[in-house]
C-alpha atoms as a PDB file:
ATOM      1  CA  MET A   1      95.451 104.501  76.085  1.00  0.00           C
ATOM      2  CA  GLN A   2      96.481 101.022  74.912  1.00  0.00           C
ATOM      3  CA  GLU A   3      99.854 100.825  73.116  1.00  0.00           C
ATOM      4  CA  GLY A   4     100.156  98.727  69.937  1.00  0.00           C
ATOM      5  CA  LYS A   5     100.378  94.934  69.740  1.00  0.00           C
ATOM      6  CA  LEU A   6     101.940  92.925  72.516  1.00  0.00           C
ATOM      7  CA  LEU A   7     105.487  91.815  71.896  1.00  0.00           C
ATOM      8  CA  PHE A   8     107.280  89.557  74.426  1.00  0.00           C
ATOM      9  CA  PHE A   9     111.042  89.125  74.524  1.00  0.00           C
ATOM     10  CA  SER A  10     113.212  86.917  76.714  1.00  0.00           C
ATOM     11  CA  GLY A  11     116.715  87.728  77.822  1.00  0.00           C
ATOM     12  CA  SER A  12     119.384  85.160  78.483  1.00  0.00           C
ATOM     13  CA  SER A  13     118.656  84.602  82.156  1.00  0.00           C
ATOM     14  CA  ASN A  14     115.711  82.232  82.108  1.00  0.00           C
ATOM     15  CA  GLN A  15     114.753  81.303  78.554  1.00  0.00           C
ATOM     16  CA  GLU A  16     112.840  78.153  79.713  1.00  0.00           C
ATOM     17  CA  LEU A  17     110.453  80.350  81.720  1.00  0.00           C
ATOM     18  CA  GLY A  18     110.235  82.704  78.661  1.00  0.00           C
ATOM     19  CA  LYS A  19     109.120  79.763  76.458  1.00  0.00           C
ATOM     20  CA  LYS A  20     106.408  78.822  78.999  1.00  0.00           C
ATOM     21  CA  ILE A  21     105.163  82.398  79.222  1.00  0.00           C
ATOM     22  CA  SER A  22     105.093  82.730  75.465  1.00  0.00           C
ATOM     23  CA  SER A  23     103.027  79.545  75.297  1.00  0.00           C
ATOM     24  CA  PHE A  24     100.436  81.017  77.620  1.00  0.00           C
ATOM     25  CA  LEU A  25     100.458  84.237  75.712  1.00  0.00           C
ATOM     26  CA  GLY A  26      99.638  82.318  72.504  1.00  0.00           C
ATOM     27  CA  THR A  27     102.690  83.733  70.761  1.00  0.00           C
ATOM     28  CA  GLU A  28     106.401  82.993  70.203  1.00  0.00           C
ATOM     29  CA  SER A  29     109.129  84.969  71.949  1.00  0.00           C
ATOM     30  CA  GLY A  30     110.128  87.971  69.861  1.00  0.00           C
ATOM     31  CA  LYS A  31     113.309  87.807  67.771  1.00  0.00           C
ATOM     32  CA  ILE A  32     116.331  89.388  69.373  1.00  0.00           C
ATOM     33  CA  THR A  33     120.108  89.062  68.919  1.00  0.00           C
ATOM     34  CA  LEU A  34     122.032  88.831  72.154  1.00  0.00           C
ATOM     35  CA  LYS A  35     125.741  88.267  72.161  1.00  0.00           C
ATOM     36  CA  LYS A  36     129.072  89.236  73.749  1.00  0.00           C
ATOM     37  CA  PHE A  37     131.909  91.110  72.080  1.00  0.00           C
ATOM     38  CA  SER A  38     135.359  89.661  72.472  1.00  0.00           C
ATOM     39  CA  ASN A  39     136.047  92.000  75.374  1.00  0.00           C
ATOM     40  CA  GLY A  40     132.970  90.911  77.297  1.00  0.00           C
ATOM     41  CA  GLU A  41     130.697  93.767  76.460  1.00  0.00           C
ATOM     42  CA  THR A  42     127.014  92.958  75.797  1.00  0.00           C
ATOM     43  CA  TYR A  43     125.269  93.502  72.482  1.00  0.00           C
ATOM     44  CA  ALA A  44     121.472  93.446  71.863  1.00  0.00           C
ATOM     45  CA  ARG A  45     119.467  94.147  68.697  1.00  0.00           C
ATOM     46  CA  PHE A  46     115.699  93.625  68.177  1.00  0.00           C
ATOM     47  CA  ASP A  47     115.333  91.613  64.968  1.00  0.00           C
ATOM     48  CA  GLU A  48     111.819  92.790  64.374  1.00  0.00           C
ATOM     49  CA  ASN A  49     109.902  96.045  64.407  1.00  0.00           C
ATOM     50  CA  VAL A  50     108.881  97.331  67.981  1.00  0.00           C
ATOM     51  CA  ARG A  51     107.913 100.852  67.020  1.00  0.00           C
ATOM     52  CA  GLY A  52     104.748 101.910  68.811  1.00  0.00           C
ATOM     53  CA  ASN A  53     104.193  98.498  70.321  1.00  0.00           C
ATOM     54  CA  ASP A  54     103.757  97.208  73.856  1.00  0.00           C
ATOM     55  CA  VAL A  55     107.042  95.560  74.651  1.00  0.00           C
ATOM     56  CA  PHE A  56     107.689  93.191  77.622  1.00  0.00           C
ATOM     57  CA  ILE A  57     111.080  91.999  78.374  1.00  0.00           C
ATOM     58  CA  LEU A  58     111.800  89.087  80.692  1.00  0.00           C
ATOM     59  CA  GLN A  59     115.013  88.983  82.690  1.00  0.00           C
ATOM     60  CA  THR A  60     115.626  87.560  86.189  1.00  0.00           C
ATOM     61  CA  ALA A  61     118.290  87.871  88.795  1.00  0.00           C
ATOM     62  CA  THR A  62     120.469  84.848  88.479  1.00  0.00           C
ATOM     63  CA  GLU A  63     124.164  84.116  87.834  1.00  0.00           C
ATOM     64  CA  PRO A  64     125.880  85.857  86.260  1.00  0.00           C
ATOM     65  CA  ILE A  65     123.992  88.498  88.096  1.00  0.00           C
ATOM     66  CA  ASN A  66     125.762  91.659  86.722  1.00  0.00           C
ATOM     67  CA  ASP A  67     125.809  90.362  83.191  1.00  0.00           C
ATOM     68  CA  ASN A  68     122.149  89.701  83.266  1.00  0.00           C
ATOM     69  CA  LEU A  69     121.358  93.049  84.762  1.00  0.00           C
ATOM     70  CA  MET A  70     123.435  94.886  82.084  1.00  0.00           C
ATOM     71  CA  GLU A  71     121.816  92.838  79.368  1.00  0.00           C
ATOM     72  CA  LEU A  72     118.389  93.905  80.586  1.00  0.00           C
ATOM     73  CA  CYS A  73     119.305  97.581  80.708  1.00  0.00           C
ATOM     74  CA  ILE A  74     120.714  97.341  77.200  1.00  0.00           C
ATOM     75  CA  MET A  75     117.677  95.609  75.875  1.00  0.00           C
ATOM     76  CA  ILE A  76     115.483  98.387  77.407  1.00  0.00           C
ATOM     77  CA  ASP A  77     117.679 101.010  75.925  1.00  0.00           C
ATOM     78  CA  ALA A  78     117.478  99.328  72.438  1.00  0.00           C
ATOM     79  CA  ALA A  79     113.631  99.194  72.641  1.00  0.00           C
ATOM     80  CA  LYS A  80     113.437 102.875  73.689  1.00  0.00           C
ATOM     81  CA  ARG A  81     115.630 103.918  70.815  1.00  0.00           C
ATOM     82  CA  ALA A  82     113.624 101.799  68.494  1.00  0.00           C
ATOM     83  CA  SER A  83     110.558 103.880  69.496  1.00  0.00           C
ATOM     84  CA  ALA A  84     108.609 101.157  71.448  1.00  0.00           C
ATOM     85  CA  GLY A  85     105.284 102.492  72.699  1.00  0.00           C
ATOM     86  CA  ARG A  86     105.731 101.145  76.186  1.00  0.00           C
ATOM     87  CA  ILE A  87     108.474  99.032  77.789  1.00  0.00           C
ATOM     88  CA  THR A  88     107.670  96.762  80.670  1.00  0.00           C
ATOM     89  CA  ALA A  89     110.567  94.927  82.446  1.00  0.00           C
ATOM     90  CA  VAL A  90     109.398  91.502  83.750  1.00  0.00           C
ATOM     91  CA  ILE A  91     111.827  90.718  86.501  1.00  0.00           C
ATOM     92  CA  PRO A  92     110.533  87.729  88.533  1.00  0.00           C
ATOM     93  CA  ASN A  93     113.579  87.892  90.895  1.00  0.00           C
ATOM     94  CA  TYR A  94     114.518  91.508  91.445  1.00  0.00           C
ATOM     95  CA  PHE A  95     118.226  92.374  91.212  1.00  0.00           C
ATOM     96  CA  TYR A  96     120.019  93.197  94.525  1.00  0.00           C
ATOM     97  CA  ALA A  97     116.663  93.051  96.367  1.00  0.00           C
ATOM     98  CA  ARG A  98     118.328  92.221  99.780  1.00  0.00           C
ATOM     99  CA  GLN A  99     120.363  95.382  99.717  1.00  0.00           C
ATOM    100  CA  ASP A 100     117.381  97.587 100.371  1.00  0.00           C
ATOM    101  CA  ARG A 101     118.677  99.603 103.353  1.00  0.00           C
ATOM    102  CA  LYS A 102     121.860 100.633 105.122  1.00  0.00           C
ATOM    103  CA  ALA A 103     122.382  98.026 107.796  1.00  0.00           C
ATOM    104  CA  GLU A 104     125.745  99.554 108.688  1.00  0.00           C
ATOM    105  CA  SER A 105     127.492 102.829 107.978  1.00  0.00           C
ATOM    106  CA  ARG A 106     129.052 103.453 104.571  1.00  0.00           C
ATOM    107  CA  GLU A 107     126.958 100.803 102.871  1.00  0.00           C
ATOM    108  CA  PRO A 108     125.027 101.326  99.621  1.00  0.00           C
ATOM    109  CA  ILE A 109     121.314 100.897  99.013  1.00  0.00           C
ATOM    110  CA  THR A 110     121.751  98.850  95.890  1.00  0.00           C
ATOM    111  CA  ALA A 111     118.124  98.039  95.364  1.00  0.00           C
ATOM    112  CA  LYS A 112     117.472 101.782  94.846  1.00  0.00           C
ATOM    113  CA  LEU A 113     120.488 102.034  92.505  1.00  0.00           C
ATOM    114  CA  ILE A 114     118.933  99.210  90.369  1.00  0.00           C
ATOM    115  CA  ALA A 115     115.685 101.145  90.259  1.00  0.00           C
ATOM    116  CA  ASP A 116     117.501 104.144  88.943  1.00  0.00           C
ATOM    117  CA  PHE A 117     119.345 102.059  86.373  1.00  0.00           C
ATOM    118  CA  LEU A 118     116.041 100.611  85.047  1.00  0.00           C
ATOM    119  CA  GLN A 119     114.251 103.930  84.824  1.00  0.00           C
ATOM    120  CA  THR A 120     117.235 105.726  83.233  1.00  0.00           C
ATOM    121  CA  ALA A 121     117.488 102.868  80.670  1.00  0.00           C
ATOM    122  CA  GLY A 122     113.918 103.585  79.704  1.00  0.00           C
ATOM    123  CA  ALA A 123     111.596 101.203  81.464  1.00  0.00           C
ATOM    124  CA  ASP A 124     107.992 102.408  81.782  1.00  0.00           C
ATOM    125  CA  ARG A 125     106.772  99.731  84.043  1.00  0.00           C
ATOM    126  CA  ILE A 126     108.073  96.871  86.264  1.00  0.00           C
ATOM    127  CA  ILE A 127     106.559  93.490  86.910  1.00  0.00           C
ATOM    128  CA  THR A 128     108.191  91.452  89.762  1.00  0.00           C
ATOM    129  CA  LEU A 129     107.443  88.659  92.132  1.00  0.00           C
ATOM    130  CA  ASP A 130     107.542  88.786  95.946  1.00  0.00           C
ATOM    131  CA  LEU A 131     109.960  91.547  96.568  1.00  0.00           C
ATOM    132  CA  HIS A 132     112.237  90.964  99.498  1.00  0.00           C
ATOM    133  CA  CYS A 133     110.926  94.094 101.082  1.00  0.00           C
ATOM    134  CA  ASP A 134     107.873  96.113 100.107  1.00  0.00           C
ATOM    135  CA  GLN A 135     109.639  99.408 100.491  1.00  0.00           C
ATOM    136  CA  ILE A 136     111.510  98.769  97.243  1.00  0.00           C
ATOM    137  CA  GLN A 137     108.338  99.750  95.441  1.00  0.00           C
ATOM    138  CA  GLY A 138     108.958 103.288  96.718  1.00  0.00           C
ATOM    139  CA  PHE A 139     112.310 103.438  94.937  1.00  0.00           C
ATOM    140  CA  PHE A 140     110.425 103.804  91.579  1.00  0.00           C
ATOM    141  CA  ASN A 141     108.716 106.690  89.993  1.00  0.00           C
ATOM    142  CA  ILE A 142     107.070 104.399  87.487  1.00  0.00           C
ATOM    143  CA  PRO A 143     104.295 101.795  88.037  1.00  0.00           C
ATOM    144  CA  LEU A 144     105.512  98.597  89.664  1.00  0.00           C
ATOM    145  CA  ASP A 145     103.392  95.381  90.082  1.00  0.00           C
ATOM    146  CA  ASN A 146     104.696  93.231  92.949  1.00  0.00           C
ATOM    147  CA  LEU A 147     102.845  90.008  92.552  1.00  0.00           C
ATOM    148  CA  PRO A 148     102.495  87.861  95.588  1.00  0.00           C
ATOM    149  CA  SER A 149     103.216  84.255  95.073  1.00  0.00           C
ATOM    150  CA  THR A 150     101.264  82.897  97.967  1.00  0.00           C
ATOM    151  CA  GLY A 151      98.236  81.978  95.900  1.00  0.00           C
ATOM    152  CA  ILE A 152     100.407  79.687  93.780  1.00  0.00           C
ATOM    153  CA  PHE A 153     101.399  77.643  96.758  1.00  0.00           C
ATOM    154  CA  VAL A 154      98.203  77.796  98.875  1.00  0.00           C
ATOM    155  CA  GLU A 155      96.374  74.838  97.308  1.00  0.00           C
ATOM    156  CA  LYS A 156      99.279  72.534  98.023  1.00  0.00           C
ATOM    157  CA  ALA A 157      99.735  74.120 101.470  1.00  0.00           C
ATOM    158  CA  LEU A 158      96.020  73.468 102.352  1.00  0.00           C
ATOM    159  CA  SER A 159      96.311  69.844 101.400  1.00  0.00           C
ATOM    160  CA  LEU A 160      99.451  69.311 103.513  1.00  0.00           C
ATOM    161  CA  SER A 161      98.010  71.148 106.425  1.00  0.00           C
ATOM    162  CA  ASP A 162      94.769  69.257 106.432  1.00  0.00           C
ATOM    163  CA  GLY A 163      93.361  71.840 108.836  1.00  0.00           C
ATOM    164  CA  LYS A 164      95.744  70.924 111.610  1.00  0.00           C
ATOM    165  CA  GLY A 165      99.011  72.523 110.404  1.00  0.00           C
ATOM    166  CA  VAL A 166     100.909  75.422 111.801  1.00  0.00           C
ATOM    167  CA  ILE A 167     102.309  78.291 109.753  1.00  0.00           C
ATOM    168  CA  VAL A 168     105.793  79.055 110.931  1.00  0.00           C
ATOM    169  CA  SER A 169     107.372  82.447 110.300  1.00  0.00           C
ATOM    170  CA  PRO A 170     111.147  81.888 109.711  1.00  0.00           C
ATOM    171  CA  ASP A 171     111.925  85.278 111.454  1.00  0.00           C
ATOM    172  CA  ALA A 172     110.299  88.408 112.914  1.00  0.00           C
ATOM    173  CA  GLY A 173     110.470  90.151 109.549  1.00  0.00           C
ATOM    174  CA  SER A 174     108.085  87.601 107.975  1.00  0.00           C
ATOM    175  CA  ALA A 175     105.710  87.589 110.883  1.00  0.00           C
ATOM    176  CA  LYS A 176     103.102  89.900 109.294  1.00  0.00           C
ATOM    177  CA  LYS A 177     102.823  87.929 106.120  1.00  0.00           C
ATOM    178  CA  SER A 178     102.730  84.564 108.081  1.00  0.00           C
ATOM    179  CA  THR A 179     100.000  85.913 110.251  1.00  0.00           C
ATOM    180  CA  LYS A 180      97.813  86.717 107.293  1.00  0.00           C
ATOM    181  CA  ILE A 181      98.434  83.232 105.849  1.00  0.00           C
ATOM    182  CA  ALA A 182      97.601  81.558 109.154  1.00  0.00           C
ATOM    183  CA  THR A 183      94.430  83.591 109.544  1.00  0.00           C
ATOM    184  CA  LYS A 184      93.236  82.811 105.976  1.00  0.00           C
ATOM    185  CA  MET A 185      93.992  79.118 106.420  1.00  0.00           C
ATOM    186  CA  ASN A 186      92.541  79.144 109.985  1.00  0.00           C
ATOM    187  CA  VAL A 187      95.515  77.360 111.528  1.00  0.00           C
ATOM    188  CA  GLY A 188      98.012  78.349 114.217  1.00  0.00           C
ATOM    189  CA  LEU A 189     101.098  80.584 113.967  1.00  0.00           C
ATOM    190  CA  ALA A 190     104.604  80.108 115.344  1.00  0.00           C
ATOM    191  CA  ILE A 191     107.567  82.463 114.968  1.00  0.00           C
ATOM    192  CA  ILE A 192     111.192  81.453 115.017  1.00  0.00           C
ATOM    193  CA  ASN A 193     113.587  83.865 116.744  1.00  0.00           C
ATOM    194  CA  LYS A 194     116.478  84.152 114.218  1.00  0.00           C
ATOM    195  CA  VAL A 195     119.759  85.903 115.024  1.00  0.00           C
ATOM    196  CA  ARG A 196     121.867  86.867 111.988  1.00  0.00           C
ATOM    197  CA  THR A 197     125.539  86.501 112.691  1.00  0.00           C
ATOM    198  CA  GLY A 198     126.834  87.826 109.313  1.00  0.00           C
ATOM    199  CA  HIS A 199     126.153  87.898 105.677  1.00  0.00           C
ATOM    200  CA  ASN A 200     124.473  84.594 104.639  1.00  0.00           C
ATOM    201  CA  THR A 201     124.771  83.244 108.148  1.00  0.00           C
ATOM    202  CA  CYS A 202     122.409  83.002 111.098  1.00  0.00           C
ATOM    203  CA  GLU A 203     121.177  80.946 113.939  1.00  0.00           C
ATOM    204  CA  SER A 204     117.661  79.780 114.806  1.00  0.00           C
ATOM    205  CA  LYS A 205     117.318  80.128 118.544  1.00  0.00           C
ATOM    206  CA  ASN A 206     113.781  79.289 119.682  1.00  0.00           C
ATOM    207  CA  ILE A 207     110.096  79.088 118.741  1.00  0.00           C
ATOM    208  CA  ILE A 208     107.179  81.169 120.159  1.00  0.00           C
ATOM    209  CA  GLY A 209     103.564  80.876 119.480  1.00  0.00           C
ATOM    210  CA  ALA A 210     101.367  77.919 118.553  1.00  0.00           C
ATOM    211  CA  GLU A 211     102.094  74.360 119.692  1.00  0.00           C
ATOM    212  CA  ILE A 212     103.978  72.521 116.880  1.00  0.00           C
ATOM    213  CA  LYS A 213     104.322  69.119 118.410  1.00  0.00           C
ATOM    214  CA  GLU A 214     103.029  66.285 116.024  1.00  0.00           C
ATOM    215  CA  LYS A 215     101.908  69.127 113.582  1.00  0.00           C
ATOM    216  CA  ASN A 216     102.720  69.728 109.946  1.00  0.00           C
ATOM    217  CA  CYS A 217     104.741  72.950 109.973  1.00  0.00           C
ATOM    218  CA  LEU A 218     104.561  75.203 106.872  1.00  0.00           C
ATOM    219  CA  ILE A 219     107.154  77.846 106.226  1.00  0.00           C
ATOM    220  CA  PHE A 220     106.583  80.573 103.676  1.00  0.00           C
ATOM    221  CA  ASP A 221     109.510  82.801 102.649  1.00  0.00           C
ATOM    222  CA  ASP A 222     110.570  84.950  99.608  1.00  0.00           C
ATOM    223  CA  ILE A 223     114.061  83.492  99.093  1.00  0.00           C
ATOM    224  CA  VAL A 224     116.273  80.577  99.910  1.00  0.00           C
ATOM    225  CA  ASP A 225     119.986  81.330  99.135  1.00  0.00           C
ATOM    226  CA  THR A 226     122.494  79.243 100.948  1.00  0.00           C
ATOM    227  CA  ALA A 227     119.725  77.522 102.823  1.00  0.00           C
ATOM    228  CA  GLY A 228     121.407  77.736 106.178  1.00  0.00           C
ATOM    229  CA  SER A 229     118.582  79.611 107.781  1.00  0.00           C
ATOM    230  CA  LEU A 230     115.844  77.435 106.282  1.00  0.00           C
ATOM    231  CA  CYS A 231     117.627  74.179 107.297  1.00  0.00           C
ATOM    232  CA  ALA A 232     118.310  75.412 110.791  1.00  0.00           C
ATOM    233  CA  ALA A 233     114.655  76.319 111.163  1.00  0.00           C
ATOM    234  CA  ALA A 234     113.508  72.876 109.998  1.00  0.00           C
ATOM    235  CA  ASP A 235     115.993  71.058 112.306  1.00  0.00           C
ATOM    236  CA  LEU A 236     114.765  73.173 115.175  1.00  0.00           C
ATOM    237  CA  LEU A 237     111.106  72.393 114.401  1.00  0.00           C
ATOM    238  CA  LYS A 238     111.820  68.786 114.284  1.00  0.00           C
ATOM    239  CA  GLU A 239     113.691  68.833 117.561  1.00  0.00           C
ATOM    240  CA  GLU A 240     110.670  70.376 119.102  1.00  0.00           C
ATOM    241  CA  GLY A 241     108.452  67.567 117.893  1.00  0.00           C
ATOM    242  CA  ALA A 242     107.066  68.718 114.530  1.00  0.00           C
ATOM    243  CA  LYS A 243     105.645  65.924 112.419  1.00  0.00           C
ATOM    244  CA  ASN A 244     106.797  67.212 109.004  1.00  0.00           C
ATOM    245  CA  VAL A 245     108.378  70.470 107.745  1.00  0.00           C
ATOM    246  CA  TYR A 246     107.187  71.899 104.410  1.00  0.00           C
ATOM    247  CA  ALA A 247     108.733  75.087 102.998  1.00  0.00           C
ATOM    248  CA  PHE A 248     107.229  77.292 100.243  1.00  0.00           C
ATOM    249  CA  VAL A 249     109.803  79.690  98.803  1.00  0.00           C
ATOM    250  CA  THR A 250     109.376  82.001  95.824  1.00  0.00           C
ATOM    251  CA  HIS A 251     113.006  82.362  94.716  1.00  0.00           C
ATOM    252  CA  GLY A 252     115.231  79.345  94.823  1.00  0.00           C
ATOM    253  CA  VAL A 253     118.735  80.878  94.585  1.00  0.00           C
ATOM    254  CA  LEU A 254     120.227  77.776  96.156  1.00  0.00           C
ATOM    255  CA  SER A 255     123.874  78.952  95.968  1.00  0.00           C
ATOM    256  CA  SER A 256     127.054  77.279  97.266  1.00  0.00           C
ATOM    257  CA  ASN A 257     126.292  73.844  98.883  1.00  0.00           C
ATOM    258  CA  ALA A 258     122.512  74.648  99.529  1.00  0.00           C
ATOM    259  CA  ILE A 259     121.288  71.473  97.832  1.00  0.00           C
ATOM    260  CA  GLU A 260     123.533  69.339 100.036  1.00  0.00           C
ATOM    261  CA  LYS A 261     122.339  71.131 103.119  1.00  0.00           C
ATOM    262  CA  ILE A 262     118.607  70.560 102.142  1.00  0.00           C
ATOM    263  CA  ASN A 263     119.259  66.896 101.464  1.00  0.00           C
ATOM    264  CA  ASN A 264     120.880  66.536 104.930  1.00  0.00           C
ATOM    265  CA  SER A 265     118.250  68.648 106.739  1.00  0.00           C
ATOM    266  CA  LYS A 266     114.913  67.729 108.400  1.00  0.00           C
ATOM    267  CA  ILE A 267     112.947  69.401 105.658  1.00  0.00           C
ATOM    268  CA  THR A 268     110.267  67.038 104.339  1.00  0.00           C
ATOM    269  CA  LYS A 269     109.687  68.949 101.011  1.00  0.00           C
ATOM    270  CA  LEU A 270     110.762  72.356  99.598  1.00  0.00           C
ATOM    271  CA  PHE A 271     108.559  73.999  97.009  1.00  0.00           C
ATOM    272  CA  VAL A 272     110.033  76.709  94.856  1.00  0.00           C
ATOM    273  CA  THR A 273     108.936  78.545  91.693  1.00  0.00           C
ATOM    274  CA  ASP A 274     110.805  78.669  88.448  1.00  0.00           C
ATOM    275  CA  SER A 275     111.553  82.430  88.857  1.00  0.00           C
ATOM    276  CA  ILE A 276     115.124  81.334  88.788  1.00  0.00           C
ATOM    277  CA  PRO A 277     116.309  78.381  86.680  1.00  0.00           C
ATOM    278  CA  LEU A 278     117.510  75.456  88.794  1.00  0.00           C
ATOM    279  CA  ASN A 279     120.683  73.923  87.560  1.00  0.00           C
ATOM    280  CA  LYS A 280     120.794  71.441  90.466  1.00  0.00           C
ATOM    281  CA  THR A 281     117.872  69.555  91.924  1.00  0.00           C
ATOM    282  CA  SER A 282     117.025  67.157  94.808  1.00  0.00           C
ATOM    283  CA  PRO A 283     114.285  64.702  95.605  1.00  0.00           C
ATOM    284  CA  LYS A 284     113.224  67.117  98.342  1.00  0.00           C
ATOM    285  CA  ILE A 285     112.623  70.000  95.951  1.00  0.00           C
ATOM    286  CA  GLU A 286     109.447  70.439  93.797  1.00  0.00           C
ATOM    287  CA  ILE A 287     109.167  73.286  91.307  1.00  0.00           C
ATOM    288  CA  VAL A 288     105.872  75.162  90.844  1.00  0.00           C
ATOM    289  CA  SER A 289     105.704  77.217  87.732  1.00  0.00           C
ATOM    290  CA  VAL A 290     104.773  80.961  87.693  1.00  0.00           C
ATOM    291  CA  SER A 291     104.601  81.159  83.952  1.00  0.00           C
ATOM    292  CA  LYS A 292     100.825  81.202  83.659  1.00  0.00           C
ATOM    293  CA  TYR A 293     100.584  83.756  86.481  1.00  0.00           C
ATOM    294  CA  LEU A 294     103.099  86.092  84.852  1.00  0.00           C
ATOM    295  CA  ALA A 295     101.456  85.594  81.388  1.00  0.00           C
ATOM    296  CA  ASN A 296      98.156  86.653  82.863  1.00  0.00           C
ATOM    297  CA  ALA A 297      99.767  89.669  84.502  1.00  0.00           C
ATOM    298  CA  ILE A 298     101.260  90.668  81.172  1.00  0.00           C
ATOM    299  CA  LEU A 299      97.822  90.302  79.389  1.00  0.00           C
ATOM    300  CA  CYS A 300      96.066  92.362  82.157  1.00  0.00           C
ATOM    301  CA  ILE A 301      98.670  95.178  81.788  1.00  0.00           C
ATOM    302  CA  HIS A 302      98.407  95.041  77.997  1.00  0.00           C
ATOM    303  CA  ASN A 303      94.615  95.246  78.005  1.00  0.00           C
ATOM    304  CA  ASN A 304      94.625  97.894  80.709  1.00  0.00           C
ATOM    305  CA  GLU A 305      92.865  95.616  83.156  1.00  0.00           C
ATOM    306  CA  SER A 306      93.257  95.290  86.915  1.00  0.00           C
ATOM    307  CA  VAL A 307      96.278  93.159  87.861  1.00  0.00           C
ATOM    308  CA  SER A 308      94.901  92.590  91.381  1.00  0.00           C
ATOM    309  CA  GLY A 309      92.010  90.757  89.756  1.00  0.00           C
ATOM    310  CA  LEU A 310      94.416  87.843  89.230  1.00  0.00           C
ATOM    311  CA  PHE A 311      94.845  87.195  92.953  1.00  0.00           C
ATOM    312  CA  ASP A 312      92.621  84.668  94.594  1.00  0.00           C
ATOM    313  CA  LYS A 313      90.504  86.921  96.765  1.00  0.00           C
ATOM    314  CA  LYS A 314      90.517  84.395  99.480  1.00  0.00           C
ATOM    315  CA  PHE A 315      94.281  84.436  99.644  1.00  0.00           C
ATOM    316  CA  ASN A 316      95.161  87.955  98.556  1.00  0.00           C
ATOM    317  CA  PHE A 317      98.169  88.837 100.546  1.00  0.00           C
END
């Protein structure tokens, strides 16, 4: 049964993306008051009636991470207590997505904790983009739509590949996804053997698979944080004779001195989405907006239509 009218609200984390989504929805972002008390606590109040309506709340994981997460939970709670018909949290970059398992003893599984937070707050559904690990979907007991971003990048990737490129998996964990992309694009596949030496640190060791010499190498990944891994991969590919190295990454966290690393690396071009607002930029970085994609997903859910129908069938990963 369809809920009431569609209402879209944007939190503090990525209001520029919120404006773009609102434009594609043909509406303005809903009115909401968001502020901080003098002691740092968050306050949220919907400034319009949400009773019985289909409420979508946009918030993404970006600095300050914990403030934005708390703001999202408080907005959801406010909507629930205002008798919203259905509450969907639109989280392009999922909070704490990389803490999805216990890598060592006595560690938390924080991605599961966040799922519990959101459900307890009152979320009825989640929309997100390229989860770091698919198993996070199993942390929820409510519907979750994990939208693949590959279709957003693939037209550009095809033009850069020109039928002679090589898809390069940045590590063994991305091999399955990279294999599908290479098969669909009818190009070769290479895999980089990456050894992680600590949190946010790793070394790219060697390349196995297709010949990359004088080829355009295309790397697809879900996140670039400090950019150490990506830059090391690009440098290794160039050392082995690659013509150009293009990277397509969904979430451009780009923390610390990531921009400087990218500028000094062998990366030809890095394509990232606007799932996270970029405060710094570089001539090597090009932004591809996900606003229309997310707006269409919102409309499909509101109209009780298939979300998978949005994906390009040729490149449905």
